[in-house]
């Protein structure tokens, strides 16, 4: 009887192995299920990024924004700014138009963008009779740059030195302006000067205008988006020395009307708006051509000169 009880209580080898196998399979299933739970969020995020995020991304998201790592107040940046040099090439003598190579360094360009990055709004135009107005022919965004910022002041001082005796010491600059263009955005033909001089709002009665302009390319991560001056002509072949940055005409294969400047980071175009007689020069009418792809950011620098009253 004792032998019978012992034999009944013992587990057969085959059954023991079977039970052990079931235990190992159950553990494997548990581990597999746990792994799935842990990796499922990552898998869903990856699928969203690949298949859906392009449909929900901002339409005008900045590209390759390296300005986030730049400190506009860096002592080394400001020291380099004061020692910065550039070269120039005359594009036209009449009207006077000069191409400035390396007007700003790459670091300066990105730092300036960073200073105005939070202030971009839809661009407007300043009416001759006073006031600002949004128009369909200007579809970019603009942002002011505070002249109190040391870097902005350094760049304005650079522009003043470039002007030489064209501007008196007491004549200021307008607030520098960033302009940003995304795909298809443009600024149709316009002039930077007002047809009639503007009256200061300080009650002094003084009249002012923009005697000249600097347009500085700060970011050129785009196709197309050139600046076109249809009323300024250069002789055929003269653009060769400008290394592809300047070309005759608006489009390839046209009649070569005017001159077009390609966006090149750090470079600038300078031109005179108003002659010694105080009259604006319509030949410097220009347009910001539509951007193809990507993002273009530029900066307007406008000296402000005072004038005598105009005759009606």
C-alpha atoms as a PDB file:
ATOM      1  CA  UNK A   1       0.000   0.000   0.000  1.00  0.00           C
ATOM      2  CA  UNK A   2       2.821   2.301   0.805  1.00  0.00           C
ATOM      3  CA  UNK A   3       4.314   1.635  -2.607  1.00  0.00           C
ATOM      4  CA  UNK A   4       0.988   2.341  -4.269  1.00  0.00           C
ATOM      5  CA  UNK A   5       0.598   5.699  -2.523  1.00  0.00           C
ATOM      6  CA  UNK A   6       4.158   6.631  -3.418  1.00  0.00           C
ATOM      7  CA  UNK A   7       3.684   5.802  -7.052  1.00  0.00           C
ATOM      8  CA  UNK A   8       0.449   7.777  -7.258  1.00  0.00           C
ATOM      9  CA  UNK A   9       1.953  10.892  -5.689  1.00  0.00           C
ATOM     10  CA  UNK A  10       4.985  10.957  -7.956  1.00  0.00           C
ATOM     11  CA  UNK A  11       4.651  13.019 -11.079  1.00  0.00           C
ATOM     12  CA  UNK A  12       5.469  11.125 -14.264  1.00  0.00           C
ATOM     13  CA  UNK A  13       8.547  12.500 -16.051  1.00  0.00           C
ATOM     14  CA  UNK A  14       6.593  13.195 -19.199  1.00  0.00           C
ATOM     15  CA  UNK A  15       3.903  15.172 -17.373  1.00  0.00           C
ATOM     16  CA  UNK A  16       6.524  17.138 -15.429  1.00  0.00           C
ATOM     17  CA  UNK A  17       8.266  18.170 -18.596  1.00  0.00           C
ATOM     18  CA  UNK A  18       4.938  19.151 -20.083  1.00  0.00           C
ATOM     19  CA  UNK A  19       4.091  21.395 -17.154  1.00  0.00           C
ATOM     20  CA  UNK A  20       7.522  23.024 -17.273  1.00  0.00           C
ATOM     21  CA  UNK A  21       7.075  23.756 -20.971  1.00  0.00           C
ATOM     22  CA  UNK A  22       3.786  25.475 -20.335  1.00  0.00           C
ATOM     23  CA  UNK A  23       5.416  27.664 -17.696  1.00  0.00           C
ATOM     24  CA  UNK A  24       8.228  28.742 -20.061  1.00  0.00           C
ATOM     25  CA  UNK A  25       5.771  29.581 -22.869  1.00  0.00           C
ATOM     26  CA  UNK A  26       3.653  31.675 -20.570  1.00  0.00           C
ATOM     27  CA  UNK A  27       6.717  33.686 -19.484  1.00  0.00           C
ATOM     28  CA  UNK A  28       7.743  34.294 -23.109  1.00  0.00           C
ATOM     29  CA  UNK A  29       4.267  35.515 -23.940  1.00  0.00           C
ATOM     30  CA  UNK A  30       4.319  37.865 -20.974  1.00  0.00           C
ATOM     31  CA  UNK A  31       7.697  39.298 -21.973  1.00  0.00           C
ATOM     32  CA  UNK A  32       6.557  39.721 -25.575  1.00  0.00           C
ATOM     33  CA  UNK A  33       3.375  41.496 -24.474  1.00  0.00           C
ATOM     34  CA  UNK A  34       5.336  43.798 -22.155  1.00  0.00           C
ATOM     35  CA  UNK A  35       7.810  44.663 -24.915  1.00  0.00           C
ATOM     36  CA  UNK A  36       4.926  45.531 -27.229  1.00  0.00           C
ATOM     37  CA  UNK A  37       3.399  47.854 -24.649  1.00  0.00           C
ATOM     38  CA  UNK A  38       6.714  49.597 -24.099  1.00  0.00           C
ATOM     39  CA  UNK A  39       7.533  50.071 -27.781  1.00  0.00           C
ATOM     40  CA  UNK A  40       4.045  50.872 -29.086  1.00  0.00           C
ATOM     41  CA  UNK A  41       4.212  54.633 -28.297  1.00  0.00           C
ATOM     42  CA  UNK A  42       7.545  54.920 -30.082  1.00  0.00           C
ATOM     43  CA  UNK A  43       6.180  53.024 -33.066  1.00  0.00           C
ATOM     44  CA  UNK A  44       3.091  55.243 -33.251  1.00  0.00           C
ATOM     45  CA  UNK A  45       5.211  58.380 -32.985  1.00  0.00           C
ATOM     46  CA  UNK A  46       7.441  57.173 -35.823  1.00  0.00           C
ATOM     47  CA  UNK A  47       4.440  56.386 -38.020  1.00  0.00           C
ATOM     48  CA  UNK A  48       2.927  59.823 -37.277  1.00  0.00           C
ATOM     49  CA  UNK A  49       6.179  61.581 -38.163  1.00  0.00           C
ATOM     50  CA  UNK A  50       6.500  59.725 -41.464  1.00  0.00           C
ATOM     51  CA  UNK A  51       2.908  59.729 -42.679  1.00  0.00           C
ATOM     52  CA  UNK A  52       0.977  62.501 -40.949  1.00  0.00           C
ATOM     53  CA  UNK A  53       3.209  65.268 -39.571  1.00  0.00           C
ATOM     54  CA  UNK A  54       3.772  66.894 -43.004  1.00  0.00           C
ATOM     55  CA  UNK A  55       0.032  67.638 -43.123  1.00  0.00           C
ATOM     56  CA  UNK A  56       0.041  69.375 -39.741  1.00  0.00           C
ATOM     57  CA  UNK A  57       3.380  71.191 -39.936  1.00  0.00           C
ATOM     58  CA  UNK A  58       3.262  75.027 -39.988  1.00  0.00           C
ATOM     59  CA  UNK A  59       2.943  76.363 -43.512  1.00  0.00           C
ATOM     60  CA  UNK A  60       5.714  78.893 -42.989  1.00  0.00           C
ATOM     61  CA  UNK A  61       8.103  77.125 -40.648  1.00  0.00           C
ATOM     62  CA  UNK A  62      11.634  78.593 -40.581  1.00  0.00           C
ATOM     63  CA  UNK A  63      14.239  76.295 -42.081  1.00  0.00           C
ATOM     64  CA  UNK A  64      17.671  75.509 -40.706  1.00  0.00           C
ATOM     65  CA  UNK A  65      17.366  78.147 -38.005  1.00  0.00           C
ATOM     66  CA  UNK A  66      20.938  78.316 -36.792  1.00  0.00           C
ATOM     67  CA  UNK A  67      20.230  81.668 -35.129  1.00  0.00           C
ATOM     68  CA  UNK A  68      19.034  79.899 -31.970  1.00  0.00           C
ATOM     69  CA  UNK A  69      22.611  79.151 -30.938  1.00  0.00           C
ATOM     70  CA  UNK A  70      23.834  82.724 -31.490  1.00  0.00           C
ATOM     71  CA  UNK A  71      24.116  85.225 -28.645  1.00  0.00           C
ATOM     72  CA  UNK A  72      23.591  88.739 -30.107  1.00  0.00           C
ATOM     73  CA  UNK A  73      25.192  90.282 -27.010  1.00  0.00           C
ATOM     74  CA  UNK A  74      28.321  88.135 -27.116  1.00  0.00           C
ATOM     75  CA  UNK A  75      31.402  90.312 -26.417  1.00  0.00           C
ATOM     76  CA  UNK A  76      33.390  88.416 -29.036  1.00  0.00           C
ATOM     77  CA  UNK A  77      30.666  88.996 -31.650  1.00  0.00           C
ATOM     78  CA  UNK A  78      30.548  92.725 -30.891  1.00  0.00           C
ATOM     79  CA  UNK A  79      34.341  93.004 -30.978  1.00  0.00           C
ATOM     80  CA  UNK A  80      34.404  91.268 -34.358  1.00  0.00           C
ATOM     81  CA  UNK A  81      31.586  93.534 -35.557  1.00  0.00           C
ATOM     82  CA  UNK A  82      33.591  96.676 -34.895  1.00  0.00           C
ATOM     83  CA  UNK A  83      36.592  95.256 -36.784  1.00  0.00           C
ATOM     84  CA  UNK A  84      34.571  93.823 -39.691  1.00  0.00           C
ATOM     85  CA  UNK A  85      35.599  94.584 -43.283  1.00  0.00           C
ATOM     86  CA  UNK A  86      33.913  94.203 -46.660  1.00  0.00           C
ATOM     87  CA  UNK A  87      34.573  94.837 -50.340  1.00  0.00           C
ATOM     88  CA  UNK A  88      32.534  96.739 -52.912  1.00  0.00           C
ATOM     89  CA  UNK A  89      31.860  96.619 -56.645  1.00  0.00           C
ATOM     90  CA  UNK A  90      30.145  99.370 -58.619  1.00  0.00           C
ATOM     91  CA  UNK A  91      27.151  98.074 -60.545  1.00  0.00           C
ATOM     92  CA  UNK A  92      25.957 101.404 -61.956  1.00  0.00           C
ATOM     93  CA  UNK A  93      27.211 104.996 -61.787  1.00  0.00           C
ATOM     94  CA  UNK A  94      23.968 106.638 -62.880  1.00  0.00           C
ATOM     95  CA  UNK A  95      21.992 105.936 -60.811  1.00  0.00           C
ATOM     96  CA  UNK A  96      24.647 105.024 -58.276  1.00  0.00           C
ATOM     97  CA  UNK A  97      24.324 101.386 -57.247  1.00  0.00           C
ATOM     98  CA  UNK A  98      27.007  99.413 -55.394  1.00  0.00           C
ATOM     99  CA  UNK A  99      27.232  95.724 -54.547  1.00  0.00           C
ATOM    100  CA  UNK A 100      28.758  95.096 -51.104  1.00  0.00           C
ATOM    101  CA  UNK A 101      30.403  91.730 -50.540  1.00  0.00           C
ATOM    102  CA  UNK A 102      30.298  90.461 -46.951  1.00  0.00           C
ATOM    103  CA  UNK A 103      28.550  93.523 -45.545  1.00  0.00           C
ATOM    104  CA  UNK A 104      27.664  91.335 -42.556  1.00  0.00           C
ATOM    105  CA  UNK A 105      29.338  88.179 -41.342  1.00  0.00           C
ATOM    106  CA  UNK A 106      27.378  84.942 -41.106  1.00  0.00           C
ATOM    107  CA  UNK A 107      27.286  85.194 -37.312  1.00  0.00           C
ATOM    108  CA  UNK A 108      26.047  88.786 -37.451  1.00  0.00           C
ATOM    109  CA  UNK A 109      23.315  87.809 -39.905  1.00  0.00           C
ATOM    110  CA  UNK A 110      21.978  85.027 -37.689  1.00  0.00           C
ATOM    111  CA  UNK A 111      22.214  87.189 -34.560  1.00  0.00           C
ATOM    112  CA  UNK A 112      20.204  89.962 -36.228  1.00  0.00           C
ATOM    113  CA  UNK A 113      17.536  87.435 -37.205  1.00  0.00           C
ATOM    114  CA  UNK A 114      17.399  86.193 -33.627  1.00  0.00           C
ATOM    115  CA  UNK A 115      16.871  89.727 -32.324  1.00  0.00           C
ATOM    116  CA  UNK A 116      13.753  90.182 -34.468  1.00  0.00           C
ATOM    117  CA  UNK A 117      12.471  86.603 -34.591  1.00  0.00           C
ATOM    118  CA  UNK A 118       9.583  87.133 -32.156  1.00  0.00           C
ATOM    119  CA  UNK A 119       8.338  90.342 -33.761  1.00  0.00           C
ATOM    120  CA  UNK A 120       7.497  89.319 -37.330  1.00  0.00           C
ATOM    121  CA  UNK A 121       4.117  90.537 -38.543  1.00  0.00           C
ATOM    122  CA  UNK A 122       2.502  90.948 -41.953  1.00  0.00           C
ATOM    123  CA  UNK A 123       4.285  93.656 -43.908  1.00  0.00           C
ATOM    124  CA  UNK A 124       2.652  96.962 -44.815  1.00  0.00           C
ATOM    125  CA  UNK A 125       3.595 100.030 -46.839  1.00  0.00           C
ATOM    126  CA  UNK A 126       3.984 103.605 -45.601  1.00  0.00           C
ATOM    127  CA  UNK A 127       1.684 105.972 -47.464  1.00  0.00           C
ATOM    128  CA  UNK A 128       2.978 109.330 -48.639  1.00  0.00           C
ATOM    129  CA  UNK A 129       0.108 111.101 -46.915  1.00  0.00           C
ATOM    130  CA  UNK A 130       0.857 109.346 -43.650  1.00  0.00           C
ATOM    131  CA  UNK A 131      -0.229 106.069 -42.136  1.00  0.00           C
ATOM    132  CA  UNK A 132       0.490 102.451 -42.946  1.00  0.00           C
ATOM    133  CA  UNK A 133      -1.495 100.099 -45.141  1.00  0.00           C
ATOM    134  CA  UNK A 134      -1.419  96.404 -45.990  1.00  0.00           C
ATOM    135  CA  UNK A 135      -1.524  95.762 -49.728  1.00  0.00           C
ATOM    136  CA  UNK A 136      -1.822  92.630 -51.839  1.00  0.00           C
ATOM    137  CA  UNK A 137       1.439  93.421 -53.625  1.00  0.00           C
ATOM    138  CA  UNK A 138       3.511  92.940 -50.464  1.00  0.00           C
ATOM    139  CA  UNK A 139       3.048  89.509 -48.896  1.00  0.00           C
ATOM    140  CA  UNK A 140       6.137  89.178 -46.693  1.00  0.00           C
ATOM    141  CA  UNK A 141       6.507  89.574 -42.931  1.00  0.00           C
ATOM    142  CA  UNK A 142       8.492  92.372 -41.281  1.00  0.00           C
ATOM    143  CA  UNK A 143      10.081  92.952 -37.887  1.00  0.00           C
ATOM    144  CA  UNK A 144      11.741  96.079 -36.452  1.00  0.00           C
ATOM    145  CA  UNK A 145      15.218  95.966 -34.931  1.00  0.00           C
ATOM    146  CA  UNK A 146      15.806  98.118 -31.868  1.00  0.00           C
ATOM    147  CA  UNK A 147      18.701 100.500 -32.467  1.00  0.00           C
ATOM    148  CA  UNK A 148      19.460 100.281 -28.749  1.00  0.00           C
ATOM    149  CA  UNK A 149      20.765  96.756 -29.274  1.00  0.00           C
ATOM    150  CA  UNK A 150      24.594  96.932 -29.428  1.00  0.00           C
ATOM    151  CA  UNK A 151      24.798  94.710 -32.520  1.00  0.00           C
ATOM    152  CA  UNK A 152      22.159  96.729 -34.389  1.00  0.00           C
ATOM    153  CA  UNK A 153      23.952  99.954 -33.448  1.00  0.00           C
ATOM    154  CA  UNK A 154      27.216  98.497 -34.765  1.00  0.00           C
ATOM    155  CA  UNK A 155      25.633  97.618 -38.123  1.00  0.00           C
ATOM    156  CA  UNK A 156      24.038 101.075 -38.403  1.00  0.00           C
ATOM    157  CA  UNK A 157      27.423 102.671 -37.635  1.00  0.00           C
ATOM    158  CA  UNK A 158      28.873 100.570 -40.450  1.00  0.00           C
ATOM    159  CA  UNK A 159      26.240 101.898 -42.840  1.00  0.00           C
ATOM    160  CA  UNK A 160      26.872 105.478 -41.689  1.00  0.00           C
ATOM    161  CA  UNK A 161      30.609 105.119 -42.307  1.00  0.00           C
ATOM    162  CA  UNK A 162      29.836 103.791 -45.791  1.00  0.00           C
ATOM    163  CA  UNK A 163      27.796 106.919 -46.571  1.00  0.00           C
ATOM    164  CA  UNK A 164      30.683 109.259 -45.765  1.00  0.00           C
ATOM    165  CA  UNK A 165      29.616 112.885 -46.237  1.00  0.00           C
ATOM    166  CA  UNK A 166      26.229 111.968 -47.687  1.00  0.00           C
ATOM    167  CA  UNK A 167      24.656 112.178 -44.232  1.00  0.00           C
ATOM    168  CA  UNK A 168      25.231 114.852 -41.591  1.00  0.00           C
ATOM    169  CA  UNK A 169      26.102 113.791 -38.052  1.00  0.00           C
ATOM    170  CA  UNK A 170      22.741 114.988 -36.717  1.00  0.00           C
ATOM    171  CA  UNK A 171      20.740 113.072 -39.340  1.00  0.00           C
ATOM    172  CA  UNK A 172      19.557 109.702 -38.024  1.00  0.00           C
ATOM    173  CA  UNK A 173      18.606 106.356 -39.497  1.00  0.00           C
ATOM    174  CA  UNK A 174      15.106 104.949 -39.577  1.00  0.00           C
ATOM    175  CA  UNK A 175      14.505 101.824 -37.517  1.00  0.00           C
ATOM    176  CA  UNK A 176      16.186  98.923 -39.363  1.00  0.00           C
ATOM    177  CA  UNK A 177      13.677  96.404 -40.654  1.00  0.00           C
ATOM    178  CA  UNK A 178      13.886  92.643 -41.136  1.00  0.00           C
ATOM    179  CA  UNK A 179      11.817  91.224 -43.993  1.00  0.00           C
ATOM    180  CA  UNK A 180      11.052  87.526 -44.365  1.00  0.00           C
ATOM    181  CA  UNK A 181       9.779  85.730 -47.460  1.00  0.00           C
ATOM    182  CA  UNK A 182       8.511  82.162 -47.768  1.00  0.00           C
ATOM    183  CA  UNK A 183       7.354  80.279 -50.862  1.00  0.00           C
ATOM    184  CA  UNK A 184       5.496  82.503 -53.405  1.00  0.00           C
ATOM    185  CA  UNK A 185       5.831  85.604 -51.214  1.00  0.00           C
ATOM    186  CA  UNK A 186       6.931  88.788 -52.955  1.00  0.00           C
ATOM    187  CA  UNK A 187       7.008  92.586 -52.969  1.00  0.00           C
ATOM    188  CA  UNK A 188       5.864  94.108 -56.248  1.00  0.00           C
ATOM    189  CA  UNK A 189       7.550  97.109 -57.893  1.00  0.00           C
ATOM    190  CA  UNK A 190       7.985 100.022 -55.491  1.00  0.00           C
ATOM    191  CA  UNK A 191      10.398 102.739 -54.402  1.00  0.00           C
ATOM    192  CA  UNK A 192      11.847 103.199 -50.923  1.00  0.00           C
ATOM    193  CA  UNK A 193      11.481 106.981 -51.033  1.00  0.00           C
ATOM    194  CA  UNK A 194       8.239 108.923 -50.787  1.00  0.00           C
ATOM    195  CA  UNK A 195       7.196 111.075 -53.783  1.00  0.00           C
ATOM    196  CA  UNK A 196       6.837 113.974 -51.366  1.00  0.00           C
ATOM    197  CA  UNK A 197       8.996 114.522 -48.291  1.00  0.00           C
ATOM    198  CA  UNK A 198       7.402 113.506 -45.010  1.00  0.00           C
ATOM    199  CA  UNK A 199       6.870 115.813 -42.044  1.00  0.00           C
ATOM    200  CA  UNK A 200       8.245 114.771 -38.666  1.00  0.00           C
ATOM    201  CA  UNK A 201       5.589 114.115 -36.047  1.00  0.00           C
ATOM    202  CA  UNK A 202       7.571 115.915 -33.320  1.00  0.00           C
ATOM    203  CA  UNK A 203       6.033 119.288 -34.148  1.00  0.00           C
ATOM    204  CA  UNK A 204       9.265 120.737 -35.548  1.00  0.00           C
ATOM    205  CA  UNK A 205       7.880 120.905 -39.067  1.00  0.00           C
ATOM    206  CA  UNK A 206      11.058 119.410 -40.536  1.00  0.00           C
ATOM    207  CA  UNK A 207      10.743 117.373 -43.724  1.00  0.00           C
ATOM    208  CA  UNK A 208      12.595 114.112 -44.271  1.00  0.00           C
ATOM    209  CA  UNK A 209      12.987 111.311 -46.769  1.00  0.00           C
ATOM    210  CA  UNK A 210      15.177 108.295 -47.513  1.00  0.00           C
ATOM    211  CA  UNK A 211      18.117 109.518 -49.618  1.00  0.00           C
ATOM    212  CA  UNK A 212      19.540 106.024 -50.068  1.00  0.00           C
ATOM    213  CA  UNK A 213      18.912 102.378 -49.229  1.00  0.00           C
ATOM    214  CA  UNK A 214      20.824  99.321 -48.102  1.00  0.00           C
ATOM    215  CA  UNK A 215      19.222  95.922 -48.631  1.00  0.00           C
ATOM    216  CA  UNK A 216      21.173  93.193 -46.854  1.00  0.00           C
ATOM    217  CA  UNK A 217      20.631  89.482 -47.481  1.00  0.00           C
ATOM    218  CA  UNK A 218      20.731  87.744 -44.089  1.00  0.00           C
ATOM    219  CA  UNK A 219      19.443  84.291 -45.053  1.00  0.00           C
ATOM    220  CA  UNK A 220      19.474  82.757 -48.525  1.00  0.00           C
ATOM    221  CA  UNK A 221      17.997  79.309 -47.880  1.00  0.00           C
ATOM    222  CA  UNK A 222      15.746  79.575 -50.923  1.00  0.00           C
ATOM    223  CA  UNK A 223      15.362  79.305 -54.654  1.00  0.00           C
ATOM    224  CA  UNK A 224      14.516  82.411 -56.719  1.00  0.00           C
ATOM    225  CA  UNK A 225      13.556  85.434 -54.594  1.00  0.00           C
ATOM    226  CA  UNK A 226      15.913  87.840 -56.374  1.00  0.00           C
ATOM    227  CA  UNK A 227      15.711  91.632 -56.114  1.00  0.00           C
ATOM    228  CA  UNK A 228      15.021  93.171 -59.536  1.00  0.00           C
ATOM    229  CA  UNK A 229      15.652  96.748 -60.705  1.00  0.00           C
ATOM    230  CA  UNK A 230      14.068  97.094 -64.181  1.00  0.00           C
ATOM    231  CA  UNK A 231      15.233 100.707 -64.612  1.00  0.00           C
ATOM    232  CA  UNK A 232      18.946 100.131 -63.987  1.00  0.00           C
ATOM    233  CA  UNK A 233      21.002  98.872 -66.913  1.00  0.00           C
ATOM    234  CA  UNK A 234      24.459  97.341 -67.079  1.00  0.00           C
ATOM    235  CA  UNK A 235      26.402  96.546 -70.213  1.00  0.00           C
ATOM    236  CA  UNK A 236      26.364  93.013 -71.526  1.00  0.00           C
ATOM    237  CA  UNK A 237      29.196  91.026 -69.959  1.00  0.00           C
ATOM    238  CA  UNK A 238      29.805  93.443 -67.081  1.00  0.00           C
ATOM    239  CA  UNK A 239      28.039  91.064 -64.701  1.00  0.00           C
ATOM    240  CA  UNK A 240      30.650  88.343 -65.241  1.00  0.00           C
ATOM    241  CA  UNK A 241      32.950  89.826 -62.619  1.00  0.00           C
ATOM    242  CA  UNK A 242      30.236  89.527 -59.988  1.00  0.00           C
ATOM    243  CA  UNK A 243      30.408  85.754 -59.858  1.00  0.00           C
ATOM    244  CA  UNK A 244      26.786  84.950 -60.657  1.00  0.00           C
ATOM    245  CA  UNK A 245      25.427  87.110 -57.844  1.00  0.00           C
ATOM    246  CA  UNK A 246      24.210  89.735 -60.313  1.00  0.00           C
ATOM    247  CA  UNK A 247      22.720  89.222 -63.761  1.00  0.00           C
ATOM    248  CA  UNK A 248      21.187  91.284 -66.528  1.00  0.00           C
ATOM    249  CA  UNK A 249      17.431  91.074 -66.853  1.00  0.00           C
ATOM    250  CA  UNK A 250      14.737  89.477 -64.776  1.00  0.00           C
ATOM    251  CA  UNK A 251      14.630  85.978 -66.258  1.00  0.00           C
ATOM    252  CA  UNK A 252      16.891  83.819 -68.361  1.00  0.00           C
ATOM    253  CA  UNK A 253      16.168  84.345 -72.026  1.00  0.00           C
ATOM    254  CA  UNK A 254      14.516  87.758 -71.695  1.00  0.00           C
ATOM    255  CA  UNK A 255      15.733  90.969 -73.302  1.00  0.00           C
ATOM    256  CA  UNK A 256      18.123  91.760 -70.455  1.00  0.00           C
ATOM    257  CA  UNK A 257      15.989  94.575 -69.078  1.00  0.00           C
ATOM    258  CA  UNK A 258      17.254  95.810 -65.750  1.00  0.00           C
ATOM    259  CA  UNK A 259      19.513  94.106 -63.228  1.00  0.00           C
ATOM    260  CA  UNK A 260      18.755  91.300 -60.769  1.00  0.00           C
ATOM    261  CA  UNK A 261      20.506  90.462 -57.498  1.00  0.00           C
ATOM    262  CA  UNK A 262      20.558  86.903 -56.196  1.00  0.00           C
ATOM    263  CA  UNK A 263      20.128  86.385 -52.439  1.00  0.00           C
ATOM    264  CA  UNK A 264      23.616  85.737 -51.031  1.00  0.00           C
ATOM    265  CA  UNK A 265      23.920  85.647 -47.258  1.00  0.00           C
ATOM    266  CA  UNK A 266      25.888  88.607 -45.896  1.00  0.00           C
ATOM    267  CA  UNK A 267      25.923  90.574 -49.151  1.00  0.00           C
ATOM    268  CA  UNK A 268      24.127  93.882 -49.628  1.00  0.00           C
ATOM    269  CA  UNK A 269      22.974  96.225 -52.357  1.00  0.00           C
ATOM    270  CA  UNK A 270      23.287  99.995 -51.885  1.00  0.00           C
ATOM    271  CA  UNK A 271      21.645 102.603 -54.092  1.00  0.00           C
ATOM    272  CA  UNK A 272      20.841 106.310 -54.087  1.00  0.00           C
ATOM    273  CA  UNK A 273      17.148 107.217 -54.012  1.00  0.00           C
ATOM    274  CA  UNK A 274      17.187 111.020 -54.139  1.00  0.00           C
ATOM    275  CA  UNK A 275      19.400 113.376 -56.128  1.00  0.00           C
ATOM    276  CA  UNK A 276      21.051 116.570 -54.942  1.00  0.00           C
ATOM    277  CA  UNK A 277      17.992 118.469 -56.132  1.00  0.00           C
ATOM    278  CA  UNK A 278      15.882 116.646 -53.554  1.00  0.00           C
ATOM    279  CA  UNK A 279      13.877 114.771 -56.178  1.00  0.00           C
ATOM    280  CA  UNK A 280      13.403 111.022 -56.075  1.00  0.00           C
ATOM    281  CA  UNK A 281      14.890 108.903 -58.865  1.00  0.00           C
ATOM    282  CA  UNK A 282      12.242 106.632 -60.368  1.00  0.00           C
ATOM    283  CA  UNK A 283      14.901 104.527 -62.051  1.00  0.00           C
ATOM    284  CA  UNK A 284      15.550 102.726 -58.761  1.00  0.00           C
ATOM    285  CA  UNK A 285      12.057 101.241 -58.634  1.00  0.00           C
ATOM    286  CA  UNK A 286      12.514  97.589 -57.683  1.00  0.00           C
ATOM    287  CA  UNK A 287      10.735  94.385 -56.706  1.00  0.00           C
ATOM    288  CA  UNK A 288      11.341  91.419 -54.447  1.00  0.00           C
ATOM    289  CA  UNK A 289      10.583  88.544 -56.817  1.00  0.00           C
ATOM    290  CA  UNK A 290       8.589  85.550 -55.504  1.00  0.00           C
ATOM    291  CA  UNK A 291      10.532  82.955 -53.544  1.00  0.00           C
ATOM    292  CA  UNK A 292      10.431  79.513 -55.140  1.00  0.00           C
ATOM    293  CA  UNK A 293      11.130  77.244 -52.185  1.00  0.00           C
ATOM    294  CA  UNK A 294      12.565  77.834 -48.740  1.00  0.00           C
ATOM    295  CA  UNK A 295      13.075  81.058 -46.834  1.00  0.00           C
ATOM    296  CA  UNK A 296      14.697  84.415 -47.560  1.00  0.00           C
ATOM    297  CA  UNK A 297      15.367  87.019 -44.891  1.00  0.00           C
ATOM    298  CA  UNK A 298      16.721  90.470 -45.624  1.00  0.00           C
ATOM    299  CA  UNK A 299      17.246  93.738 -43.787  1.00  0.00           C
ATOM    300  CA  UNK A 300      16.362  97.259 -44.868  1.00  0.00           C
ATOM    301  CA  UNK A 301      18.617 100.069 -43.623  1.00  0.00           C
ATOM    302  CA  UNK A 302      17.374 103.553 -44.473  1.00  0.00           C
ATOM    303  CA  UNK A 303      19.269 106.753 -43.664  1.00  0.00           C
ATOM    304  CA  UNK A 304      16.999 109.703 -42.974  1.00  0.00           C
ATOM    305  CA  UNK A 305      17.879 113.101 -44.451  1.00  0.00           C
ATOM    306  CA  UNK A 306      16.206 116.468 -43.846  1.00  0.00           C
ATOM    307  CA  UNK A 307      15.059 118.625 -46.773  1.00  0.00           C
ATOM    308  CA  UNK A 308      13.691 122.074 -47.441  1.00  0.00           C
ATOM    309  CA  UNK A 309      10.041 122.468 -48.353  1.00  0.00           C
ATOM    310  CA  UNK A 310       9.134 121.361 -51.887  1.00  0.00           C
ATOM    311  CA  UNK A 311       7.407 123.597 -54.387  1.00  0.00           C
ATOM    312  CA  UNK A 312       3.950 122.500 -55.486  1.00  0.00           C
END
